[in-house]
Amino acid sequence: MQRSIRLLSGAGNLVTGMLCEMSDRHLEDFETIWKGILNAADQPDRYWIWDYKLRQADRDTRYETYAVEVDSLTQGLMFLETQWHRSQLPQQYPLVYVEALAAAPWNRQLLEDPPYFRGVGQTLLLFARQRSLELGYGGRVGLHALPGSEGFYRRNQMPEYDPDPDKEDLIYFEYGILRR
């Protein structure tokens, strides 16, 4: 699976990139380029083990991993669970659950202003919604936000729910059914 995407550069130019299934090449970019920057900047996702996520997706069809790349450099990563999660709303509809979503450190406004590319996280989040539609879940997507990233989900108009005591009091966000 590969889809052409458009991102906005920090200079304000539209740039063509690719959204594709995560591969060892994307993992290598994380390990050799991202990880040191994430550690130095004390980012909360610095301990995420993307090689485990990629192997999990290779072994179990309910998991999927994706990457955003521009000029063969990984700009974002996402890990989805597509079969077992249910809405935290009373109806408990099936949904796509975003286990992990990360933009490269140079694409985070908190670390780089302006970011090298804008729209990486939004592109991945919208793709999760598209996967939900493809799976017959009506666009439902849920996730627990890391501290400091809640504003991103609010800006993307993802409804916010209470902190979840079962998930270290992380705030839960969930898109409901997509009305056309």
Protein backbone atom coordinates (compact mmCIF):
# COMPACT_ATOMS: atom_id res chain seq x y z
CA MET A 1 0.00 0.00 0.00
CA GLN A 2 1.33 3.40 -1.00
CA ARG A 3 -0.55 6.68 -1.21
CA SER A 4 0.75 9.99 -2.40
CA ILE A 5 0.29 12.77 0.15
CA ARG A 6 0.97 16.50 0.33
CA LEU A 7 2.67 18.23 3.24
CA LEU A 8 3.47 21.87 3.83
CA SER A 9 7.15 22.69 4.29
CA GLY A 10 8.27 25.13 6.95
CA ALA A 11 8.94 27.56 4.10
CA GLY A 12 5.28 27.30 3.06
CA ASN A 13 5.70 25.14 -0.05
CA LEU A 14 3.62 22.07 -0.83
CA VAL A 15 5.75 18.94 -0.95
CA THR A 16 4.75 15.51 -2.22
CA GLY A 17 5.40 12.57 0.06
CA MET A 18 4.26 9.00 0.49
CA LEU A 19 2.15 7.22 3.11
CA CYS A 20 3.04 3.53 3.08
CA GLU A 21 3.30 0.44 5.23
CA MET A 22 6.18 0.67 7.69
CA SER A 23 9.31 -1.28 6.75
CA ASP A 24 12.75 -1.96 8.19
CA ARG A 25 14.01 1.17 6.40
CA HIS A 26 11.61 3.34 8.41
CA LEU A 27 12.65 1.55 11.58
CA GLU A 28 16.30 2.26 10.76
CA ASP A 29 15.52 5.98 10.38
CA PHE A 30 13.89 5.93 13.81
CA GLU A 31 16.80 4.11 15.44
CA THR A 32 19.65 6.03 13.78
CA ILE A 33 18.21 9.53 13.36
CA TRP A 34 15.09 10.13 15.48
CA LYS A 35 16.01 8.35 18.70
CA GLY A 36 19.00 10.47 19.67
CA ILE A 37 17.04 13.68 19.09
CA LEU A 38 14.04 12.38 21.05
CA ASN A 39 16.31 11.43 23.96
CA ALA A 40 18.13 14.78 23.92
CA ALA A 41 14.80 16.64 23.85
CA ASP A 42 13.34 14.41 26.60
CA GLN A 43 10.28 13.55 24.48
CA PRO A 44 7.69 11.21 26.06
CA ASP A 45 7.78 8.82 23.08
CA ARG A 46 11.56 8.35 23.21
CA TYR A 47 11.14 4.89 24.73
CA TRP A 48 8.67 3.57 22.17
CA ILE A 49 9.95 0.35 20.69
CA TRP A 50 9.05 0.62 17.01
CA ASP A 51 10.81 -2.61 16.04
CA TYR A 52 8.45 -4.48 18.38
CA LYS A 53 5.46 -2.68 16.83
CA LEU A 54 6.61 -3.57 13.32
CA ARG A 55 7.18 -7.24 14.25
CA GLN A 56 3.79 -7.36 15.99
CA ALA A 57 2.11 -6.14 12.80
CA ASP A 58 4.02 -8.74 10.79
CA ARG A 59 2.77 -11.54 13.10
CA ASP A 60 -0.80 -10.47 13.86
CA THR A 61 -3.29 -9.14 11.29
CA ARG A 62 -5.09 -6.97 13.84
CA TYR A 63 -2.05 -4.68 14.00
CA GLU A 64 -0.91 -2.36 11.22
CA THR A 65 2.09 -0.03 10.96
CA TYR A 66 2.44 2.93 8.61
CA ALA A 67 5.02 5.56 7.74
CA VAL A 68 5.09 8.95 6.08
CA GLU A 69 8.18 9.62 4.04
CA VAL A 70 9.51 12.44 1.91
CA ASP A 71 12.60 11.95 -0.26
CA SER A 72 13.16 8.51 1.32
CA LEU A 73 13.37 9.94 4.86
CA THR A 74 10.81 8.89 7.47
CA GLN A 75 8.72 11.85 8.64
CA GLY A 76 6.10 10.04 10.75
CA LEU A 77 5.10 6.62 12.11
CA MET A 78 1.82 5.08 13.27
CA PHE A 79 0.79 1.78 14.91
CA LEU A 80 -2.90 0.76 14.75
CA GLU A 81 -5.01 -1.98 16.30
CA THR A 82 -7.98 -2.73 14.05
CA GLN A 83 -10.07 -5.51 15.59
CA TRP A 84 -10.27 -5.66 19.38
CA HIS A 85 -10.91 -2.12 20.59
CA ARG A 86 -14.37 -0.72 21.21
CA SER A 87 -15.68 2.77 21.65
CA GLN A 88 -15.64 4.05 25.21
CA LEU A 89 -19.07 5.49 24.50
CA PRO A 90 -22.04 3.49 25.86
CA GLN A 91 -22.71 1.83 22.46
CA GLN A 92 -19.19 0.27 22.39
CA TYR A 93 -18.93 0.29 18.60
CA PRO A 94 -15.80 -1.24 17.04
CA LEU A 95 -13.13 1.28 16.11
CA VAL A 96 -9.57 1.66 14.90
CA TYR A 97 -7.37 2.32 17.92
CA VAL A 98 -4.22 4.39 17.48
CA GLU A 99 -1.68 2.65 19.69
CA ALA A 100 1.09 5.08 18.71
CA LEU A 101 1.46 8.08 16.41
CA ALA A 102 4.70 10.05 16.12
CA ALA A 103 6.03 12.81 13.91
CA ALA A 104 9.78 13.06 13.38
CA PRO A 105 11.36 15.42 15.92
CA TRP A 106 12.06 18.09 13.27
CA ASN A 107 8.33 18.12 12.43
CA ARG A 108 7.27 19.01 15.99
CA GLN A 109 6.62 22.69 16.53
CA LEU A 110 7.63 22.34 20.17
CA LEU A 111 11.12 21.32 19.02
CA GLU A 112 11.45 23.12 15.70
CA ASP A 113 9.63 26.37 14.91
CA PRO A 114 8.67 26.34 12.16
CA PRO A 115 8.63 22.56 11.76
CA TYR A 116 10.38 21.17 8.70
CA PHE A 117 7.06 19.71 7.53
CA ARG A 118 3.57 20.51 8.77
CA GLY A 119 0.71 18.03 8.58
CA VAL A 120 2.52 14.75 9.24
CA GLY A 121 0.50 13.87 12.35
CA GLN A 122 -2.72 15.10 10.78
CA THR A 123 -2.07 12.98 7.68
CA LEU A 124 -1.59 9.87 9.82
CA LEU A 125 -4.67 10.63 11.94
CA LEU A 126 -6.83 11.13 8.85
CA PHE A 127 -5.50 7.89 7.42
CA ALA A 128 -6.56 6.07 10.63
CA ARG A 129 -10.03 7.47 10.02
CA GLN A 130 -9.92 6.24 6.41
CA ARG A 131 -8.90 2.75 7.61
CA SER A 132 -11.89 2.81 9.96
CA LEU A 133 -14.17 3.54 7.00
CA GLU A 134 -12.54 0.78 4.93
CA LEU A 135 -13.08 -1.70 7.78
CA GLY A 136 -16.77 -0.76 8.10
CA TYR A 137 -16.39 1.09 11.42
CA GLY A 138 -17.86 4.34 10.12
CA GLY A 139 -14.75 6.44 10.70
CA ARG A 140 -14.52 5.70 14.43
CA VAL A 141 -11.00 6.14 15.82
CA GLY A 142 -9.89 6.19 19.45
CA LEU A 143 -6.64 6.89 21.26
CA HIS A 144 -5.07 7.96 24.53
CA ALA A 145 -2.95 11.11 24.15
CA LEU A 146 0.49 11.52 25.64
CA PRO A 147 0.85 14.50 27.96
CA GLY A 148 1.57 17.54 25.84
CA SER A 149 -0.06 16.20 22.70
CA GLU A 150 -3.67 16.78 23.76
CA GLY A 151 -3.72 20.15 21.96
CA PHE A 152 -2.90 18.44 18.66
CA TYR A 153 -6.01 16.25 18.94
CA ARG A 154 -8.14 19.19 20.02
CA ARG A 155 -6.94 21.21 17.01
CA ASN A 156 -7.92 18.25 14.83
CA GLN A 157 -11.42 18.42 16.33
CA MET A 158 -11.22 15.01 17.96
CA PRO A 159 -13.77 14.85 20.80
CA GLU A 160 -12.15 14.61 24.23
CA TYR A 161 -13.29 12.45 27.11
CA ASP A 162 -12.14 12.04 30.68
CA PRO A 163 -8.71 10.86 31.76
CA ASP A 164 -8.63 7.07 31.77
CA PRO A 165 -7.51 5.57 35.10
CA ASP A 166 -6.77 2.28 33.29
CA LYS A 167 -4.28 4.10 31.03
CA GLU A 168 -2.21 6.13 33.50
CA ASP A 169 -4.88 8.88 33.47
CA LEU A 170 -4.12 9.74 29.85
CA ILE A 171 -6.91 11.70 28.21
CA TYR A 172 -9.03 9.64 25.85
CA PHE A 173 -10.04 11.04 22.44
CA GLU A 174 -12.46 9.45 20.02
CA TYR A 175 -13.86 10.33 16.62
CA GLY A 176 -17.43 9.10 16.26
CA ILE A 177 -19.14 7.97 13.10
CA LEU A 178 -18.29 10.04 10.05
CA ARG A 179 -21.41 11.55 8.50
CA ARG A 180 -21.24 12.25 4.79
